[in-house]
PDB file of N, CA and C in Angstrom:
ATOM      1  N   ALA A   1       1.820 -25.528  11.189  1.00  0.00           N
ATOM      2  CA  ALA A   1       1.881 -25.307   9.748  1.00  0.00           C
ATOM      3  C   ALA A   1       1.196 -23.980   9.405  1.00  0.00           C
ATOM      4  N   HIS A   2       1.730 -23.291   8.415  1.00  0.00           N
ATOM      5  CA  HIS A   2       1.189 -21.986   8.027  1.00  0.00           C
ATOM      6  C   HIS A   2       0.869 -21.941   6.533  1.00  0.00           C
ATOM      7  N   ALA A   3       0.339 -23.032   6.004  1.00  0.00           N
ATOM      8  CA  ALA A   3       0.042 -23.088   4.571  1.00  0.00           C
ATOM      9  C   ALA A   3      -0.957 -22.015   4.157  1.00  0.00           C
ATOM     10  N   GLU A   4      -1.796 -21.561   5.074  1.00  0.00           N
ATOM     11  CA  GLU A   4      -2.778 -20.513   4.780  1.00  0.00           C
ATOM     12  C   GLU A   4      -2.171 -19.118   4.916  1.00  0.00           C
ATOM     13  N   GLY A   5      -0.922 -19.018   5.408  1.00  0.00           N
ATOM     14  CA  GLY A   5      -0.290 -17.721   5.615  1.00  0.00           C
ATOM     15  C   GLY A   5      -0.757 -17.101   6.918  1.00  0.00           C
ATOM     16  N   GLY A   6      -0.438 -15.824   7.118  1.00  0.00           N
ATOM     17  CA  GLY A   6      -0.858 -15.125   8.324  1.00  0.00           C
ATOM     18  C   GLY A   6       0.168 -14.108   8.759  1.00  0.00           C
ATOM     19  N   ILE A   7      -0.208 -13.319   9.751  1.00  0.00           N
ATOM     20  CA  ILE A   7       0.697 -12.344  10.365  1.00  0.00           C
ATOM     21  C   ILE A   7       0.794 -12.714  11.834  1.00  0.00           C
ATOM     22  N   PHE A   8       2.011 -12.826  12.330  1.00  0.00           N
ATOM     23  CA  PHE A   8       2.239 -13.312  13.679  1.00  0.00           C
ATOM     24  C   PHE A   8       2.969 -12.251  14.495  1.00  0.00           C
ATOM     25  N   SER A   9       2.611 -12.120  15.757  1.00  0.00           N
ATOM     26  CA  SER A   9       3.225 -11.087  16.592  1.00  0.00           C
ATOM     27  C   SER A   9       3.958 -11.655  17.803  1.00  0.00           C
ATOM     28  N   GLN A  10       3.875 -12.963  18.018  1.00  0.00           N
ATOM     29  CA  GLN A  10       4.559 -13.594  19.142  1.00  0.00           C
ATOM     30  C   GLN A  10       5.532 -14.640  18.603  1.00  0.00           C
ATOM     31  N   PRO A  11       6.699 -14.788  19.226  1.00  0.00           N
ATOM     32  CA  PRO A  11       7.643 -15.819  18.780  1.00  0.00           C
ATOM     33  C   PRO A  11       7.024 -17.209  18.898  1.00  0.00           C
ATOM     34  N   HIS A  12       7.277 -18.048  17.913  1.00  0.00           N
ATOM     35  CA  HIS A  12       6.832 -19.440  17.953  1.00  0.00           C
ATOM     36  C   HIS A  12       7.565 -20.241  16.886  1.00  0.00           C
ATOM     37  N   LEU A  13       7.533 -21.542  17.015  1.00  0.00           N
ATOM     38  CA  LEU A  13       8.089 -22.419  16.001  1.00  0.00           C
ATOM     39  C   LEU A  13       6.980 -22.735  15.018  1.00  0.00           C
ATOM     40  N   GLY A  14       7.310 -22.734  13.749  1.00  0.00           N
ATOM     41  CA  GLY A  14       6.289 -23.021  12.746  1.00  0.00           C
ATOM     42  C   GLY A  14       6.874 -23.771  11.574  1.00  0.00           C
ATOM     43  N   LEU A  15       6.030 -24.496  10.875  1.00  0.00           N
ATOM     44  CA  LEU A  15       6.415 -25.217   9.680  1.00  0.00           C
ATOM     45  C   LEU A  15       6.157 -24.315   8.484  1.00  0.00           C
ATOM     46  N   VAL A  16       7.163 -24.139   7.636  1.00  0.00           N
ATOM     47  CA  VAL A  16       7.062 -23.252   6.484  1.00  0.00           C
ATOM     48  C   VAL A  16       7.358 -24.047   5.220  1.00  0.00           C
ATOM     49  N   ALA A  17       6.677 -23.709   4.142  1.00  0.00           N
ATOM     50  CA  ALA A  17       6.837 -24.323   2.819  1.00  0.00           C
ATOM     51  C   ALA A  17       6.330 -25.758   2.785  1.00  0.00           C
ATOM     52  N   GLU A  18       5.416 -26.113   3.691  1.00  0.00           N
ATOM     53  CA  GLU A  18       4.880 -27.468   3.733  1.00  0.00           C
ATOM     54  C   GLU A  18       3.903 -27.745   2.585  1.00  0.00           C
ATOM     55  N   ALA A  19       3.353 -26.685   1.983  1.00  0.00           N
ATOM     56  CA  ALA A  19       2.415 -26.857   0.873  1.00  0.00           C
ATOM     57  C   ALA A  19       2.935 -26.163  -0.385  1.00  0.00           C
ATOM     58  N   GLY A  20       4.244 -25.977  -0.461  1.00  0.00           N
ATOM     59  CA  GLY A  20       4.847 -25.274  -1.589  1.00  0.00           C
ATOM     60  C   GLY A  20       5.695 -24.114  -1.095  1.00  0.00           C
ATOM     61  N   ARG A  21       6.223 -23.354  -2.018  1.00  0.00           N
ATOM     62  CA  ARG A  21       7.113 -22.246  -1.679  1.00  0.00           C
ATOM     63  C   ARG A  21       6.361 -21.160  -0.913  1.00  0.00           C
ATOM     64  N   GLU A  22       6.990 -20.606   0.098  1.00  0.00           N
ATOM     65  CA  GLU A  22       6.407 -19.523   0.901  1.00  0.00           C
ATOM     66  C   GLU A  22       7.485 -18.495   1.218  1.00  0.00           C
ATOM     67  N   ALA A  23       7.035 -17.296   1.540  1.00  0.00           N
ATOM     68  CA  ALA A  23       7.951 -16.232   1.943  1.00  0.00           C
ATOM     69  C   ALA A  23       7.703 -15.890   3.404  1.00  0.00           C
ATOM     70  N   VAL A  24       8.776 -15.600   4.115  1.00  0.00           N
ATOM     71  CA  VAL A  24       8.686 -15.111   5.488  1.00  0.00           C
ATOM     72  C   VAL A  24       9.312 -13.720   5.460  1.00  0.00           C
ATOM     73  N   ILE A  25       8.515 -12.694   5.795  1.00  0.00           N
ATOM     74  CA  ILE A  25       8.950 -11.307   5.646  1.00  0.00           C
ATOM     75  C   ILE A  25       8.805 -10.582   6.979  1.00  0.00           C
ATOM     76  N   PRO A  26       9.908 -10.039   7.524  1.00  0.00           N
ATOM     77  CA  PRO A  26       9.792  -9.264   8.766  1.00  0.00           C
ATOM     78  C   PRO A  26       9.047  -7.953   8.507  1.00  0.00           C
ATOM     79  N   LEU A  27       8.098  -7.637   9.359  1.00  0.00           N
ATOM     80  CA  LEU A  27       7.309  -6.420   9.184  1.00  0.00           C
ATOM     81  C   LEU A  27       7.893  -5.220   9.920  1.00  0.00           C
ATOM     82  N   GLU A  28       8.704  -5.447  10.915  1.00  0.00           N
ATOM     83  CA  GLU A  28       9.256  -4.340  11.706  1.00  0.00           C
ATOM     84  C   GLU A  28      10.610  -3.872  11.180  1.00  0.00           C
ATOM     85  N   ASP A  29      11.361  -4.756  10.537  1.00  0.00           N
ATOM     86  CA  ASP A  29      12.673  -4.399   9.982  1.00  0.00           C
ATOM     87  C   ASP A  29      12.478  -4.069   8.503  1.00  0.00           C
ATOM     88  N   LYS A  30      12.181  -2.796   8.215  1.00  0.00           N
ATOM     89  CA  LYS A  30      11.859  -2.387   6.848  1.00  0.00           C
ATOM     90  C   LYS A  30      13.048  -2.522   5.902  1.00  0.00           C
ATOM     91  N   VAL A  31      14.271  -2.348   6.419  1.00  0.00           N
ATOM     92  CA  VAL A  31      15.459  -2.477   5.576  1.00  0.00           C
ATOM     93  C   VAL A  31      15.534  -3.893   5.007  1.00  0.00           C
ATOM     94  N   ARG A  32      15.204  -4.876   5.791  1.00  0.00           N
ATOM     95  CA  ARG A  32      15.213  -6.275   5.328  1.00  0.00           C
ATOM     96  C   ARG A  32      13.858  -6.664   4.724  1.00  0.00           C
ATOM     97  N   GLY A  33      12.770  -6.157   5.281  1.00  0.00           N
ATOM     98  CA  GLY A  33      11.434  -6.577   4.876  1.00  0.00           C
ATOM     99  C   GLY A  33      11.013  -6.114   3.495  1.00  0.00           C
ATOM    100  N   ILE A  34      11.288  -4.868   3.141  1.00  0.00           N
ATOM    101  CA  ILE A  34      10.832  -4.342   1.850  1.00  0.00           C
ATOM    102  C   ILE A  34      11.459  -5.086   0.673  1.00  0.00           C
ATOM    103  N   PRO A  35      12.782  -5.336   0.662  1.00  0.00           N
ATOM    104  CA  PRO A  35      13.333  -6.122  -0.448  1.00  0.00           C
ATOM    105  C   PRO A  35      12.739  -7.533  -0.532  1.00  0.00           C
ATOM    106  N   LEU A  36      12.489  -8.153   0.625  1.00  0.00           N
ATOM    107  CA  LEU A  36      11.877  -9.479   0.609  1.00  0.00           C
ATOM    108  C   LEU A  36      10.446  -9.420   0.097  1.00  0.00           C
ATOM    109  N   TRP A  37       9.719  -8.380   0.485  1.00  0.00           N
ATOM    110  CA  TRP A  37       8.344  -8.193   0.013  1.00  0.00           C
ATOM    111  C   TRP A  37       8.317  -8.053  -1.511  1.00  0.00           C
ATOM    112  N   ARG A  38       9.235  -7.243  -2.045  1.00  0.00           N
ATOM    113  CA  ARG A  38       9.306  -7.067  -3.503  1.00  0.00           C
ATOM    114  C   ARG A  38       9.698  -8.380  -4.188  1.00  0.00           C
ATOM    115  N   ALA A  39      10.669  -9.095  -3.615  1.00  0.00           N
ATOM    116  CA  ALA A  39      11.097 -10.373  -4.197  1.00  0.00           C
ATOM    117  C   ALA A  39       9.950 -11.374  -4.180  1.00  0.00           C
ATOM    118  N   ALA A  40       9.177 -11.394  -3.097  1.00  0.00           N
ATOM    119  CA  ALA A  40       8.030 -12.304  -3.024  1.00  0.00           C
ATOM    120  C   ALA A  40       7.013 -11.945  -4.100  1.00  0.00           C
ATOM    121  N   GLY A  41       6.774 -10.651  -4.302  1.00  0.00           N
ATOM    122  CA  GLY A  41       5.856 -10.223  -5.349  1.00  0.00           C
ATOM    123  C   GLY A  41       6.336 -10.637  -6.724  1.00  0.00           C
ATOM    124  N   GLU A  42       7.633 -10.500  -6.962  1.00  0.00           N
ATOM    125  CA  GLU A  42       8.187 -10.918  -8.249  1.00  0.00           C
ATOM    126  C   GLU A  42       8.029 -12.420  -8.441  1.00  0.00           C
ATOM    127  N   GLU A  43       8.259 -13.192  -7.383  1.00  0.00           N
ATOM    128  CA  GLU A  43       8.090 -14.646  -7.461  1.00  0.00           C
ATOM    129  C   GLU A  43       6.645 -15.014  -7.792  1.00  0.00           C
ATOM    130  N   MET A  44       5.701 -14.197  -7.328  1.00  0.00           N
ATOM    131  CA  MET A  44       4.286 -14.448  -7.604  1.00  0.00           C
ATOM    132  C   MET A  44       3.856 -13.866  -8.947  1.00  0.00           C
ATOM    133  N   GLY A  45       4.783 -13.172  -9.618  1.00  0.00           N
ATOM    134  CA  GLY A  45       4.465 -12.570 -10.901  1.00  0.00           C
ATOM    135  C   GLY A  45       3.647 -11.305 -10.769  1.00  0.00           C
ATOM    136  N   LEU A  46       3.766 -10.607  -9.622  1.00  0.00           N
ATOM    137  CA  LEU A  46       2.946  -9.423  -9.379  1.00  0.00           C
ATOM    138  C   LEU A  46       3.718  -8.124  -9.353  1.00  0.00           C
ATOM    139  N   LEU A  47       4.808  -8.070  -8.636  1.00  0.00           N
ATOM    140  CA  LEU A  47       5.482  -6.795  -8.416  1.00  0.00           C
ATOM    141  C   LEU A  47       6.851  -6.755  -9.064  1.00  0.00           C
ATOM    142  N   VAL A  48       7.098  -5.675  -9.770  1.00  0.00           N
ATOM    143  CA  VAL A  48       8.437  -5.406 -10.294  1.00  0.00           C
ATOM    144  C   VAL A  48       8.658  -3.928 -10.080  1.00  0.00           C
ATOM    145  N   GLY A  49       9.513  -3.562  -9.157  1.00  0.00           N
ATOM    146  CA  GLY A  49       9.702  -2.149  -8.820  1.00  0.00           C
ATOM    147  C   GLY A  49       8.417  -1.584  -8.266  1.00  0.00           C
ATOM    148  N   ASN A  50       7.913  -0.506  -8.879  1.00  0.00           N
ATOM    149  CA  ASN A  50       6.689   0.126  -8.422  1.00  0.00           C
ATOM    150  C   ASN A  50       5.503  -0.181  -9.318  1.00  0.00           C
ATOM    151  N   SER A  51       5.674  -1.048 -10.331  1.00  0.00           N
ATOM    152  CA  SER A  51       4.557  -1.366 -11.211  1.00  0.00           C
ATOM    153  C   SER A  51       4.137  -2.807 -11.007  1.00  0.00           C
ATOM    154  N   MET A  52       2.938  -3.123 -11.434  1.00  0.00           N
ATOM    155  CA  MET A  52       2.429  -4.481 -11.308  1.00  0.00           C
ATOM    156  C   MET A  52       2.455  -5.143 -12.676  1.00  0.00           C
ATOM    157  N   THR A  53       2.902  -6.398 -12.730  1.00  0.00           N
ATOM    158  CA  THR A  53       2.873  -7.147 -13.967  1.00  0.00           C
ATOM    159  C   THR A  53       2.259  -8.506 -13.704  1.00  0.00           C
ATOM    160  N   ASN A  54       1.828  -9.171 -14.761  1.00  0.00           N
ATOM    161  CA  ASN A  54       1.372 -10.537 -14.604  1.00  0.00           C
ATOM    162  C   ASN A  54       2.446 -11.464 -15.145  1.00  0.00           C
ATOM    163  N   ASN A  55       2.189 -12.764 -15.161  1.00  0.00           N
ATOM    164  CA  ASN A  55       3.232 -13.732 -15.511  1.00  0.00           C
ATOM    165  C   ASN A  55       3.737 -13.619 -16.935  1.00  0.00           C
ATOM    166  N   ASP A  56       2.950 -13.068 -17.865  1.00  0.00           N
ATOM    167  CA  ASP A  56       3.459 -12.954 -19.228  1.00  0.00           C
ATOM    168  C   ASP A  56       4.017 -11.557 -19.502  1.00  0.00           C
ATOM    169  N   ASN A  57       4.392 -10.856 -18.413  1.00  0.00           N
ATOM    170  CA  ASN A  57       5.091  -9.569 -18.462  1.00  0.00           C
ATOM    171  C   ASN A  57       4.307  -8.439 -19.114  1.00  0.00           C
ATOM    172  N   ARG A  58       2.993  -8.552 -19.213  1.00  0.00           N
ATOM    173  CA  ARG A  58       2.196  -7.409 -19.649  1.00  0.00           C
ATOM    174  C   ARG A  58       1.982  -6.532 -18.429  1.00  0.00           C
ATOM    175  N   SER A  59       2.222  -5.267 -18.578  1.00  0.00           N
ATOM    176  CA  SER A  59       2.109  -4.346 -17.454  1.00  0.00           C
ATOM    177  C   SER A  59       0.657  -3.953 -17.216  1.00  0.00           C
ATOM    178  N   ASN A  60       0.271  -3.947 -15.960  1.00  0.00           N
ATOM    179  CA  ASN A  60      -1.034  -3.457 -15.541  1.00  0.00           C
ATOM    180  C   ASN A  60      -0.796  -2.200 -14.730  1.00  0.00           C
ATOM    181  N   SER A  61      -1.647  -1.210 -14.870  1.00  0.00           N
ATOM    182  CA  SER A  61      -1.490  -0.016 -14.050  1.00  0.00           C
ATOM    183  C   SER A  61      -2.771   0.226 -13.279  1.00  0.00           C
ATOM    184  N   MET A  62      -2.629   0.940 -12.180  1.00  0.00           N
ATOM    185  CA  MET A  62      -3.773   1.261 -11.355  1.00  0.00           C
ATOM    186  C   MET A  62      -3.696   2.740 -11.022  1.00  0.00           C
ATOM    187  N   ASN A  63      -4.758   3.462 -11.298  1.00  0.00           N
ATOM    188  CA  ASN A  63      -4.835   4.887 -10.979  1.00  0.00           C
ATOM    189  C   ASN A  63      -5.934   5.106  -9.947  1.00  0.00           C
ATOM    190  N   PHE A  64      -5.652   5.963  -8.998  1.00  0.00           N
ATOM    191  CA  PHE A  64      -6.625   6.327  -7.978  1.00  0.00           C
ATOM    192  C   PHE A  64      -6.894   7.808  -8.133  1.00  0.00           C
ATOM    193  N   SER A  65      -8.036   8.155  -8.692  1.00  0.00           N
ATOM    194  CA  SER A  65      -8.378   9.555  -8.950  1.00  0.00           C
ATOM    195  C   SER A  65      -9.797   9.844  -8.487  1.00  0.00           C
ATOM    196  N   PRO A  66     -10.004   9.937  -7.190  1.00  0.00           N
ATOM    197  CA  PRO A  66     -11.366  10.196  -6.719  1.00  0.00           C
ATOM    198  C   PRO A  66     -11.801  11.630  -7.039  1.00  0.00           C
ATOM    199  N   VAL A  67     -13.091  11.802  -7.235  1.00  0.00           N
ATOM    200  CA  VAL A  67     -13.679  13.123  -7.461  1.00  0.00           C
ATOM    201  C   VAL A  67     -14.666  13.369  -6.320  1.00  0.00           C
ATOM    202  N   TYR A  68     -14.487  14.480  -5.640  1.00  0.00           N
ATOM    203  CA  TYR A  68     -15.372  14.842  -4.539  1.00  0.00           C
ATOM    204  C   TYR A  68     -16.115  16.117  -4.900  1.00  0.00           C
ATOM    205  N   ASN A  69     -17.414  16.109  -4.756  1.00  0.00           N
ATOM    206  CA  ASN A  69     -18.228  17.309  -4.959  1.00  0.00           C
ATOM    207  C   ASN A  69     -18.839  17.684  -3.618  1.00  0.00           C
ATOM    208  N   ILE A  70     -18.518  18.868  -3.131  1.00  0.00           N
ATOM    209  CA  ILE A  70     -19.024  19.345  -1.849  1.00  0.00           C
ATOM    210  C   ILE A  70     -19.765  20.642  -2.098  1.00  0.00           C
ATOM    211  N   THR A  71     -21.000  20.696  -1.645  1.00  0.00           N
ATOM    212  CA  THR A  71     -21.814  21.894  -1.801  1.00  0.00           C
ATOM    213  C   THR A  71     -22.010  22.524  -0.431  1.00  0.00           C
ATOM    214  N   VAL A  72     -21.716  23.819  -0.344  1.00  0.00           N
ATOM    215  CA  VAL A  72     -21.914  24.562   0.898  1.00  0.00           C
ATOM    216  C   VAL A  72     -23.035  25.559   0.648  1.00  0.00           C
ATOM    217  N   ASN A  73     -24.131  25.418   1.379  1.00  0.00           N
ATOM    218  CA  ASN A  73     -25.281  26.318   1.246  1.00  0.00           C
ATOM    219  C   ASN A  73     -25.380  27.222   2.472  1.00  0.00           C
ATOM    220  N   GLY A  74     -25.546  28.509   2.240  1.00  0.00           N
ATOM    221  CA  GLY A  74     -25.739  29.454   3.343  1.00  0.00           C
ATOM    222  C   GLY A  74     -24.449  29.747   4.077  1.00  0.00           C
ATOM    223  N   GLY A  75     -24.550  30.587   5.074  1.00  0.00           N
ATOM    224  CA  GLY A  75     -23.393  30.932   5.878  1.00  0.00           C
ATOM    225  C   GLY A  75     -22.498  31.942   5.192  1.00  0.00           C
ATOM    226  N   ASP A  76     -21.336  32.089   5.724  1.00  0.00           N
ATOM    227  CA  ASP A  76     -20.340  33.035   5.222  1.00  0.00           C
ATOM    228  C   ASP A  76     -19.858  32.582   3.840  1.00  0.00           C
ATOM    229  N   PRO A  77     -19.861  33.456   2.836  1.00  0.00           N
ATOM    230  CA  PRO A  77     -19.418  33.061   1.495  1.00  0.00           C
ATOM    231  C   PRO A  77     -17.972  32.579   1.448  1.00  0.00           C
ATOM    232  N   ARG A  78     -17.151  32.996   2.402  1.00  0.00           N
ATOM    233  CA  ARG A  78     -15.750  32.559   2.435  1.00  0.00           C
ATOM    234  C   ARG A  78     -15.608  31.120   2.925  1.00  0.00           C
ATOM    235  N   MET A  79     -16.669  30.573   3.548  1.00  0.00           N
ATOM    236  CA  MET A  79     -16.594  29.227   4.114  1.00  0.00           C
ATOM    237  C   MET A  79     -16.276  28.183   3.035  1.00  0.00           C
ATOM    238  N   GLY A  80     -16.903  28.291   1.869  1.00  0.00           N
ATOM    239  CA  GLY A  80     -16.635  27.346   0.793  1.00  0.00           C
ATOM    240  C   GLY A  80     -15.193  27.388   0.342  1.00  0.00           C
ATOM    241  N   GLN A  81     -14.654  28.602   0.233  1.00  0.00           N
ATOM    242  CA  GLN A  81     -13.261  28.773  -0.188  1.00  0.00           C
ATOM    243  C   GLN A  81     -12.303  28.205   0.865  1.00  0.00           C
ATOM    244  N   GLU A  82     -12.591  28.452   2.132  1.00  0.00           N
ATOM    245  CA  GLU A  82     -11.751  27.928   3.212  1.00  0.00           C
ATOM    246  C   GLU A  82     -11.810  26.405   3.257  1.00  0.00           C
ATOM    247  N   LEU A  83     -13.021  25.849   3.073  1.00  0.00           N
ATOM    248  CA  LEU A  83     -13.185  24.404   3.071  1.00  0.00           C
ATOM    249  C   LEU A  83     -12.413  23.783   1.913  1.00  0.00           C
ATOM    250  N   ARG A  84     -12.479  24.405   0.746  1.00  0.00           N
ATOM    251  CA  ARG A  84     -11.750  23.907  -0.420  1.00  0.00           C
ATOM    252  C   ARG A  84     -10.251  23.878  -0.132  1.00  0.00           C
ATOM    253  N   GLN A  85      -9.714  24.933   0.484  1.00  0.00           N
ATOM    254  CA  GLN A  85      -8.282  24.992   0.793  1.00  0.00           C
ATOM    255  C   GLN A  85      -7.901  23.894   1.784  1.00  0.00           C
ATOM    256  N   ILE A  86      -8.730  23.657   2.782  1.00  0.00           N
ATOM    257  CA  ILE A  86      -8.451  22.604   3.765  1.00  0.00           C
ATOM    258  C   ILE A  86      -8.395  21.246   3.076  1.00  0.00           C
ATOM    259  N   ILE A  87      -9.372  20.982   2.209  1.00  0.00           N
ATOM    260  CA  ILE A  87      -9.415  19.695   1.509  1.00  0.00           C
ATOM    261  C   ILE A  87      -8.202  19.537   0.595  1.00  0.00           C
ATOM    262  N   GLU A  88      -7.831  20.576  -0.114  1.00  0.00           N
ATOM    263  CA  GLU A  88      -6.642  20.505  -0.980  1.00  0.00           C
ATOM    264  C   GLU A  88      -5.392  20.214  -0.165  1.00  0.00           C
ATOM    265  N   ASP A  89      -5.261  20.855   1.003  1.00  0.00           N
ATOM    266  CA  ASP A  89      -4.103  20.613   1.860  1.00  0.00           C
ATOM    267  C   ASP A  89      -4.068  19.161   2.336  1.00  0.00           C
ATOM    268  N   VAL A  90      -5.224  18.637   2.725  1.00  0.00           N
ATOM    269  CA  VAL A  90      -5.304  17.253   3.195  1.00  0.00           C
ATOM    270  C   VAL A  90      -4.945  16.290   2.056  1.00  0.00           C
ATOM    271  N   MET A  91      -5.455  16.529   0.861  1.00  0.00           N
ATOM    272  CA  MET A  91      -5.180  15.651  -0.269  1.00  0.00           C
ATOM    273  C   MET A  91      -3.699  15.704  -0.665  1.00  0.00           C
ATOM    274  N   LEU A  92      -3.077  16.878  -0.628  1.00  0.00           N
ATOM    275  CA  LEU A  92      -1.646  16.976  -0.925  1.00  0.00           C
ATOM    276  C   LEU A  92      -0.824  16.205   0.103  1.00  0.00           C
ATOM    277  N   ASP A  93      -1.217  16.297   1.382  1.00  0.00           N
ATOM    278  CA  ASP A  93      -0.538  15.543   2.432  1.00  0.00           C
ATOM    279  C   ASP A  93      -0.716  14.039   2.198  1.00  0.00           C
ATOM    280  N   PHE A  94      -1.916  13.633   1.814  1.00  0.00           N
ATOM    281  CA  PHE A  94      -2.196  12.227   1.528  1.00  0.00           C
ATOM    282  C   PHE A  94      -1.322  11.726   0.371  1.00  0.00           C
ATOM    283  N   GLN A  95      -1.237  12.501  -0.702  1.00  0.00           N
ATOM    284  CA  GLN A  95      -0.404  12.115  -1.837  1.00  0.00           C
ATOM    285  C   GLN A  95       1.057  11.988  -1.425  1.00  0.00           C
ATOM    286  N   ASP A  96       1.534  12.913  -0.599  1.00  0.00           N
ATOM    287  CA  ASP A  96       2.911  12.869  -0.117  1.00  0.00           C
ATOM    288  C   ASP A  96       3.151  11.600   0.698  1.00  0.00           C
ATOM    289  N   ARG A  97       2.206  11.269   1.571  1.00  0.00           N
ATOM    290  CA  ARG A  97       2.356  10.069   2.401  1.00  0.00           C
ATOM    291  C   ARG A  97       2.319   8.794   1.568  1.00  0.00           C
ATOM    292  N   MET A  98       1.537   8.757   0.510  1.00  0.00           N
ATOM    293  CA  MET A  98       1.434   7.557  -0.325  1.00  0.00           C
ATOM    294  C   MET A  98       2.712   7.304  -1.119  1.00  0.00           C
ATOM    295  N   GLN A  99       3.540   8.328  -1.305  1.00  0.00           N
ATOM    296  CA  GLN A  99       4.785   8.148  -2.046  1.00  0.00           C
ATOM    297  C   GLN A  99       5.917   7.679  -1.162  1.00  0.00           C
ATOM    298  N   ARG A 100       5.711   7.652   0.138  1.00  0.00           N
ATOM    299  CA  ARG A 100       6.745   7.186   1.066  1.00  0.00           C
ATOM    300  C   ARG A 100       6.806   5.652   1.056  1.00  0.00           C
ATOM    301  N   THR A 101       7.959   5.114   1.421  1.00  0.00           N
ATOM    302  CA  THR A 101       8.077   3.660   1.562  1.00  0.00           C
ATOM    303  C   THR A 101       7.794   3.222   2.979  1.00  0.00           C
ATOM    304  N   SER A 102       7.645   4.165   3.894  1.00  0.00           N
ATOM    305  CA  SER A 102       7.404   3.833   5.289  1.00  0.00           C
ATOM    306  C   SER A 102       6.502   4.875   5.916  1.00  0.00           C
ATOM    307  N   PHE A 103       5.672   4.462   6.868  1.00  0.00           N
ATOM    308  CA  PHE A 103       4.756   5.359   7.550  1.00  0.00           C
ATOM    309  C   PHE A 103       5.101   5.469   9.024  1.00  0.00           C
ATOM    310  N   GLU A 104       6.319   5.849   9.334  1.00  0.00           N
ATOM    311  CA  GLU A 104       6.729   5.970  10.732  1.00  0.00           C
ATOM    312  C   GLU A 104       6.346   7.298  11.291  1.00  0.00           C
TER     313      GLU A 104
END
């Protein structure tokens, strides 16, 4: 029985929906898994497209806007500028990766 849920990596026989409705979502087949994941979220009253809602259809939003302050003391004056450029490049790459539906 899997009433507590879980992630499984080996084939086995299991009892599903023994304590109510449950979803079984393949993690390796993204073409099949992502639509099932979204449908499961909708059934739970959580996911609709890319936004989150609750059961009475009020939309909730979540913003991630970290602020980093880095102080560079001493050394070559260009070091701070170079460090800033590296961090900006990393953050732009991070934002690009977060907009993908898959991380292959």
